[in-house]
Amino acid sequence: MMPIKLVIALSCTALLVTGMVAADKEMSKDAKIKLGEAVYKDISRGNCLACHTLTGSGIEQEGNMGPNLANFVGLPDEYFFNKIWDPNVDTPNSTMPPLGRNLRVTKDEIDAVIAYIRYTVK
């Protein structure tokens, strides 16, 4: 019989390795876009549509406090990522909340929102 500490250590290692394998698997493009749309619309996560319009999204009730995100699709992903993670870095006193820094969205969710914006605008 194995000592309990060894069993716990092996279990933790197995969970860590399983999580790393799952994280390494690329999400399909369609799944990423679906996740991005969900985060974009979800009040508890991104809720981007509360402040932004996205031409082509077909969403009837969009916000107008922030800019139309379709106007920014020519900019690199890093620009979008940084604005979502913490807009105050580039724009002090931005009215946009730092969704990534405040742990409302993950890095993967931000990447998915960017994919959704790019897919929607085409």
N, C-alpha and C. Protein backbone atom coordinates (compact mmCIF):
# COMPACT_ATOMS: atom_id res chain seq x y z
N MET A 1 0.84 -1.18 0.00
CA MET A 1 0.00 0.00 0.00
C MET A 1 0.89 1.25 0.00
N MET A 2 0.54 2.23 -0.82
CA MET A 2 1.34 3.44 -0.92
C MET A 2 0.99 4.42 0.19
N PRO A 3 2.00 5.14 0.66
CA PRO A 3 1.73 6.18 1.66
C PRO A 3 0.81 7.25 1.06
N ILE A 4 -0.03 7.83 1.87
CA ILE A 4 -1.03 8.81 1.43
C ILE A 4 -0.39 10.02 0.75
N LYS A 5 0.78 10.46 1.25
CA LYS A 5 1.45 11.62 0.65
C LYS A 5 1.86 11.32 -0.78
N LEU A 6 2.32 10.08 -1.03
CA LEU A 6 2.72 9.69 -2.38
C LEU A 6 1.50 9.63 -3.30
N VAL A 7 0.40 9.10 -2.81
CA VAL A 7 -0.84 9.03 -3.60
C VAL A 7 -1.31 10.44 -3.97
N ILE A 8 -1.27 11.34 -3.02
CA ILE A 8 -1.69 12.72 -3.28
C ILE A 8 -0.75 13.37 -4.30
N ALA A 9 0.55 13.18 -4.13
CA ALA A 9 1.53 13.76 -5.06
C ALA A 9 1.33 13.22 -6.47
N LEU A 10 1.11 11.91 -6.60
CA LEU A 10 0.88 11.32 -7.92
C LEU A 10 -0.42 11.82 -8.53
N SER A 11 -1.45 11.97 -7.72
CA SER A 11 -2.74 12.48 -8.21
C SER A 11 -2.61 13.91 -8.71
N CYS A 12 -1.89 14.73 -7.96
CA CYS A 12 -1.69 16.13 -8.36
C CYS A 12 -0.89 16.22 -9.65
N THR A 13 0.14 15.36 -9.76
CA THR A 13 0.95 15.34 -10.98
C THR A 13 0.10 14.93 -12.17
N ALA A 14 -0.75 13.92 -11.99
CA ALA A 14 -1.61 13.47 -13.08
C ALA A 14 -2.57 14.58 -13.51
N LEU A 15 -3.13 15.30 -12.55
CA LEU A 15 -4.03 16.41 -12.89
C LEU A 15 -3.28 17.51 -13.62
N LEU A 16 -2.08 17.81 -13.19
CA LEU A 16 -1.28 18.85 -13.83
C LEU A 16 -0.96 18.47 -15.27
N VAL A 17 -0.52 17.23 -15.49
CA VAL A 17 -0.19 16.77 -16.83
C VAL A 17 -1.44 16.75 -17.70
N THR A 18 -2.56 16.29 -17.18
CA THR A 18 -3.81 16.28 -17.94
C THR A 18 -4.20 17.69 -18.35
N GLY A 19 -4.08 18.64 -17.43
CA GLY A 19 -4.41 20.03 -17.74
C GLY A 19 -3.50 20.59 -18.79
N MET A 20 -2.20 20.23 -18.74
CA MET A 20 -1.25 20.73 -19.73
C MET A 20 -1.55 20.17 -21.10
N VAL A 21 -1.92 18.90 -21.16
CA VAL A 21 -2.26 18.28 -22.45
C VAL A 21 -3.50 18.94 -23.02
N ALA A 22 -4.51 19.18 -22.17
CA ALA A 22 -5.74 19.82 -22.64
C ALA A 22 -5.46 21.23 -23.13
N ALA A 23 -4.58 21.95 -22.43
CA ALA A 23 -4.27 23.33 -22.83
C ALA A 23 -3.50 23.36 -24.14
N ASP A 24 -2.72 22.31 -24.41
CA ASP A 24 -1.93 22.28 -25.64
C ASP A 24 -2.77 22.02 -26.87
N LYS A 25 -3.92 21.40 -26.70
CA LYS A 25 -4.77 21.11 -27.85
C LYS A 25 -5.36 22.42 -28.38
N GLU A 26 -5.18 22.64 -29.67
CA GLU A 26 -5.74 23.84 -30.30
C GLU A 26 -7.25 23.68 -30.41
N MET A 27 -7.94 24.73 -30.10
CA MET A 27 -9.38 24.75 -30.27
C MET A 27 -9.65 24.92 -31.77
N SER A 28 -10.64 24.26 -32.29
CA SER A 28 -10.96 24.43 -33.71
C SER A 28 -11.37 25.88 -33.95
N LYS A 29 -11.22 26.32 -35.17
CA LYS A 29 -11.55 27.70 -35.51
C LYS A 29 -13.02 28.00 -35.18
N ASP A 30 -13.91 27.10 -35.55
CA ASP A 30 -15.34 27.31 -35.28
C ASP A 30 -15.63 27.36 -33.78
N ALA A 31 -14.98 26.49 -33.00
CA ALA A 31 -15.19 26.48 -31.56
C ALA A 31 -14.67 27.77 -30.94
N LYS A 32 -13.55 28.25 -31.45
CA LYS A 32 -12.96 29.50 -30.94
C LYS A 32 -13.90 30.67 -31.22
N ILE A 33 -14.46 30.72 -32.42
CA ILE A 33 -15.38 31.80 -32.79
C ILE A 33 -16.64 31.74 -31.93
N LYS A 34 -17.15 30.53 -31.70
CA LYS A 34 -18.34 30.37 -30.85
C LYS A 34 -18.07 30.84 -29.42
N LEU A 35 -16.90 30.46 -28.90
CA LEU A 35 -16.52 30.91 -27.56
C LEU A 35 -16.40 32.43 -27.54
N GLY A 36 -15.79 33.00 -28.56
CA GLY A 36 -15.64 34.45 -28.64
C GLY A 36 -16.98 35.16 -28.66
N GLU A 37 -17.92 34.62 -29.41
CA GLU A 37 -19.26 35.22 -29.47
C GLU A 37 -19.93 35.14 -28.10
N ALA A 38 -19.79 34.00 -27.44
CA ALA A 38 -20.40 33.84 -26.11
C ALA A 38 -19.82 34.84 -25.12
N VAL A 39 -18.50 35.00 -25.12
CA VAL A 39 -17.86 35.94 -24.20
C VAL A 39 -18.26 37.37 -24.56
N TYR A 40 -18.29 37.67 -25.85
CA TYR A 40 -18.66 39.01 -26.33
C TYR A 40 -20.05 39.42 -25.80
N LYS A 41 -20.95 38.45 -25.75
CA LYS A 41 -22.34 38.73 -25.36
C LYS A 41 -22.64 38.50 -23.88
N ASP A 42 -21.79 37.79 -23.17
CA ASP A 42 -22.05 37.38 -21.79
C ASP A 42 -21.86 38.53 -20.81
N ILE A 43 -22.91 38.84 -20.08
CA ILE A 43 -22.89 39.95 -19.11
C ILE A 43 -21.83 39.73 -18.03
N SER A 44 -21.61 38.50 -17.62
CA SER A 44 -20.67 38.24 -16.52
C SER A 44 -19.22 38.15 -16.98
N ARG A 45 -18.99 38.11 -18.28
CA ARG A 45 -17.60 38.01 -18.76
C ARG A 45 -17.27 39.24 -19.59
N GLY A 46 -17.36 39.16 -20.89
CA GLY A 46 -16.97 40.27 -21.74
C GLY A 46 -17.99 41.39 -21.76
N ASN A 47 -19.22 41.02 -22.12
CA ASN A 47 -20.31 41.99 -22.22
C ASN A 47 -19.93 43.16 -23.13
N CYS A 48 -19.18 42.85 -24.18
CA CYS A 48 -18.69 43.87 -25.11
C CYS A 48 -19.84 44.65 -25.75
N LEU A 49 -20.94 43.95 -26.03
CA LEU A 49 -22.05 44.59 -26.75
C LEU A 49 -22.75 45.67 -25.92
N ALA A 50 -22.47 45.73 -24.63
CA ALA A 50 -23.06 46.78 -23.80
C ALA A 50 -22.53 48.15 -24.19
N CYS A 51 -21.29 48.18 -24.68
CA CYS A 51 -20.66 49.47 -25.01
C CYS A 51 -20.28 49.61 -26.49
N HIS A 52 -20.12 48.47 -27.18
CA HIS A 52 -19.62 48.51 -28.55
C HIS A 52 -20.63 48.00 -29.57
N THR A 53 -20.51 48.53 -30.77
CA THR A 53 -21.20 48.02 -31.94
C THR A 53 -20.19 47.19 -32.71
N LEU A 54 -20.67 46.16 -33.40
CA LEU A 54 -19.82 45.36 -34.27
C LEU A 54 -20.58 45.16 -35.57
N THR A 55 -20.27 45.98 -36.55
CA THR A 55 -20.96 45.89 -37.84
C THR A 55 -20.90 44.47 -38.36
N GLY A 56 -22.05 43.94 -38.72
CA GLY A 56 -22.13 42.59 -39.25
C GLY A 56 -22.52 41.54 -38.24
N SER A 57 -22.62 41.92 -36.98
CA SER A 57 -22.92 40.93 -35.94
C SER A 57 -24.39 40.54 -35.91
N GLY A 58 -25.26 41.39 -36.42
CA GLY A 58 -26.69 41.10 -36.40
C GLY A 58 -27.32 41.30 -35.03
N ILE A 59 -26.59 41.85 -34.09
CA ILE A 59 -27.12 42.10 -32.75
C ILE A 59 -27.94 43.38 -32.82
N GLU A 60 -29.18 43.31 -32.36
CA GLU A 60 -30.08 44.46 -32.47
C GLU A 60 -29.79 45.56 -31.47
N GLN A 61 -29.50 45.21 -30.25
CA GLN A 61 -29.31 46.21 -29.20
C GLN A 61 -27.84 46.27 -28.79
N GLU A 62 -27.08 47.07 -29.50
CA GLU A 62 -25.67 47.23 -29.18
C GLU A 62 -25.44 48.58 -28.54
N GLY A 63 -24.32 48.70 -27.85
CA GLY A 63 -23.99 49.95 -27.20
C GLY A 63 -23.36 50.95 -28.16
N ASN A 64 -23.32 52.19 -27.71
CA ASN A 64 -22.68 53.22 -28.52
C ASN A 64 -21.72 54.08 -27.69
N MET A 65 -21.36 53.61 -26.50
CA MET A 65 -20.42 54.34 -25.66
C MET A 65 -19.00 54.18 -26.22
N GLY A 66 -18.66 52.97 -26.64
CA GLY A 66 -17.35 52.69 -27.22
C GLY A 66 -17.43 52.69 -28.73
N PRO A 67 -16.28 52.61 -29.38
CA PRO A 67 -16.27 52.64 -30.85
C PRO A 67 -16.80 51.35 -31.47
N ASN A 68 -17.18 51.44 -32.74
CA ASN A 68 -17.56 50.27 -33.52
C ASN A 68 -16.29 49.45 -33.73
N LEU A 69 -16.29 48.23 -33.26
CA LEU A 69 -15.09 47.41 -33.32
C LEU A 69 -14.71 47.02 -34.74
N ALA A 70 -15.64 47.11 -35.66
CA ALA A 70 -15.34 46.81 -37.06
C ALA A 70 -14.31 47.79 -37.62
N ASN A 71 -14.23 48.97 -37.04
CA ASN A 71 -13.27 49.97 -37.52
C ASN A 71 -11.83 49.64 -37.15
N PHE A 72 -11.63 48.61 -36.33
CA PHE A 72 -10.30 48.29 -35.84
C PHE A 72 -9.76 46.95 -36.33
N VAL A 73 -10.48 46.27 -37.22
CA VAL A 73 -10.07 44.92 -37.62
C VAL A 73 -8.74 44.90 -38.36
N GLY A 74 -8.29 46.01 -38.90
CA GLY A 74 -7.00 46.06 -39.57
C GLY A 74 -5.83 46.11 -38.62
N LEU A 75 -6.10 46.31 -37.36
CA LEU A 75 -5.03 46.40 -36.36
C LEU A 75 -4.61 45.00 -35.91
N PRO A 76 -3.38 44.84 -35.44
CA PRO A 76 -2.91 43.51 -35.03
C PRO A 76 -3.66 42.96 -33.81
N ASP A 77 -3.64 41.64 -33.69
CA ASP A 77 -4.28 40.97 -32.55
C ASP A 77 -3.76 41.50 -31.22
N GLU A 78 -2.47 41.83 -31.18
CA GLU A 78 -1.86 42.33 -29.95
C GLU A 78 -2.55 43.61 -29.47
N TYR A 79 -2.96 44.46 -30.43
CA TYR A 79 -3.67 45.70 -30.07
C TYR A 79 -4.98 45.35 -29.35
N PHE A 80 -5.77 44.47 -29.97
CA PHE A 80 -7.04 44.05 -29.36
C PHE A 80 -6.79 43.42 -27.99
N PHE A 81 -5.83 42.51 -27.95
CA PHE A 81 -5.56 41.80 -26.71
C PHE A 81 -5.24 42.78 -25.58
N ASN A 82 -4.34 43.71 -25.85
CA ASN A 82 -3.94 44.68 -24.83
C ASN A 82 -5.10 45.56 -24.39
N LYS A 83 -5.95 45.95 -25.32
CA LYS A 83 -7.11 46.80 -24.99
C LYS A 83 -8.09 46.05 -24.10
N ILE A 84 -8.26 44.76 -24.35
CA ILE A 84 -9.19 43.98 -23.54
C ILE A 84 -8.55 43.63 -22.19
N TRP A 85 -7.27 43.28 -22.21
CA TRP A 85 -6.59 42.90 -20.97
C TRP A 85 -6.57 44.07 -20.00
N ASP A 86 -6.07 45.23 -20.47
CA ASP A 86 -6.02 46.42 -19.61
C ASP A 86 -5.89 47.67 -20.49
N PRO A 87 -7.01 48.27 -20.86
CA PRO A 87 -6.98 49.44 -21.74
C PRO A 87 -6.30 50.65 -21.12
N ASN A 88 -6.17 50.68 -19.81
CA ASN A 88 -5.56 51.83 -19.14
C ASN A 88 -4.06 51.95 -19.39
N VAL A 89 -3.43 50.88 -19.84
CA VAL A 89 -2.00 50.93 -20.13
C VAL A 89 -1.74 51.92 -21.26
N ASP A 90 -2.51 51.82 -22.34
CA ASP A 90 -2.33 52.71 -23.49
C ASP A 90 -3.19 53.97 -23.40
N THR A 91 -4.32 53.86 -22.73
CA THR A 91 -5.26 54.98 -22.63
C THR A 91 -5.60 55.21 -21.17
N PRO A 92 -4.78 56.00 -20.47
CA PRO A 92 -5.07 56.25 -19.05
C PRO A 92 -6.48 56.82 -18.88
N ASN A 93 -7.14 56.40 -17.84
CA ASN A 93 -8.50 56.83 -17.52
C ASN A 93 -9.53 56.36 -18.55
N SER A 94 -9.24 55.27 -19.24
CA SER A 94 -10.20 54.69 -20.18
C SER A 94 -11.46 54.30 -19.42
N THR A 95 -12.62 54.45 -20.05
CA THR A 95 -13.86 54.03 -19.41
C THR A 95 -14.08 52.52 -19.54
N MET A 96 -13.27 51.88 -20.39
CA MET A 96 -13.39 50.43 -20.56
C MET A 96 -12.73 49.74 -19.38
N PRO A 97 -13.41 48.77 -18.79
CA PRO A 97 -12.81 48.06 -17.65
C PRO A 97 -11.69 47.13 -18.12
N PRO A 98 -10.69 46.92 -17.29
CA PRO A 98 -9.59 45.99 -17.61
C PRO A 98 -10.05 44.55 -17.38
N LEU A 99 -10.71 43.99 -18.37
CA LEU A 99 -11.36 42.69 -18.20
C LEU A 99 -10.38 41.55 -17.91
N GLY A 100 -9.24 41.57 -18.53
CA GLY A 100 -8.25 40.53 -18.27
C GLY A 100 -7.57 40.71 -16.94
N ARG A 101 -7.10 41.91 -16.69
CA ARG A 101 -6.41 42.19 -15.43
C ARG A 101 -7.34 41.94 -14.23
N ASN A 102 -8.63 42.20 -14.40
CA ASN A 102 -9.59 41.97 -13.33
C ASN A 102 -10.12 40.54 -13.30
N LEU A 103 -9.55 39.67 -14.14
CA LEU A 103 -9.89 38.25 -14.19
C LEU A 103 -11.34 37.98 -14.57
N ARG A 104 -11.94 38.87 -15.34
CA ARG A 104 -13.29 38.61 -15.86
C ARG A 104 -13.23 37.69 -17.07
N VAL A 105 -12.11 37.76 -17.82
CA VAL A 105 -11.90 36.88 -18.97
C VAL A 105 -10.47 36.35 -18.94
N THR A 106 -10.29 35.18 -19.52
CA THR A 106 -8.96 34.57 -19.59
C THR A 106 -8.26 35.00 -20.88
N LYS A 107 -7.00 34.68 -20.97
CA LYS A 107 -6.25 34.98 -22.20
C LYS A 107 -6.85 34.24 -23.38
N ASP A 108 -7.26 32.99 -23.17
CA ASP A 108 -7.88 32.21 -24.26
C ASP A 108 -9.21 32.83 -24.68
N GLU A 109 -9.97 33.34 -23.72
CA GLU A 109 -11.24 33.98 -24.05
C GLU A 109 -11.02 35.28 -24.83
N ILE A 110 -9.97 36.02 -24.48
CA ILE A 110 -9.65 37.23 -25.23
C ILE A 110 -9.29 36.87 -26.67
N ASP A 111 -8.47 35.85 -26.84
CA ASP A 111 -8.12 35.39 -28.20
C ASP A 111 -9.37 34.98 -28.97
N ALA A 112 -10.30 34.34 -28.28
CA ALA A 112 -11.55 33.91 -28.92
C ALA A 112 -12.41 35.12 -29.32
N VAL A 113 -12.47 36.14 -28.49
CA VAL A 113 -13.23 37.36 -28.83
C VAL A 113 -12.62 38.02 -30.06
N ILE A 114 -11.30 38.05 -30.12
CA ILE A 114 -10.62 38.63 -31.29
C ILE A 114 -10.98 37.83 -32.54
N ALA A 115 -10.98 36.51 -32.44
CA ALA A 115 -11.36 35.66 -33.58
C ALA A 115 -12.80 35.94 -33.99
N TYR A 116 -13.70 36.08 -33.02
CA TYR A 116 -15.10 36.38 -33.31
C TYR A 116 -15.24 37.73 -34.02
N ILE A 117 -14.54 38.75 -33.55
CA ILE A 117 -14.61 40.07 -34.19
C ILE A 117 -14.12 39.97 -35.63
N ARG A 118 -12.99 39.33 -35.84
CA ARG A 118 -12.43 39.21 -37.19
C ARG A 118 -13.34 38.39 -38.09
N TYR A 119 -13.93 37.32 -37.58
CA TYR A 119 -14.85 36.49 -38.36
C TYR A 119 -16.10 37.27 -38.73
N THR A 120 -16.63 38.02 -37.77
CA THR A 120 -17.88 38.75 -37.99
C THR A 120 -17.72 39.82 -39.05
N VAL A 121 -16.62 40.54 -39.02
CA VAL A 121 -16.39 41.63 -39.96
C VAL A 121 -15.93 41.11 -41.32
N LYS A 122 -15.19 40.04 -41.32
CA LYS A 122 -14.63 39.41 -42.54
C LYS A 122 -13.91 40.43 -43.36
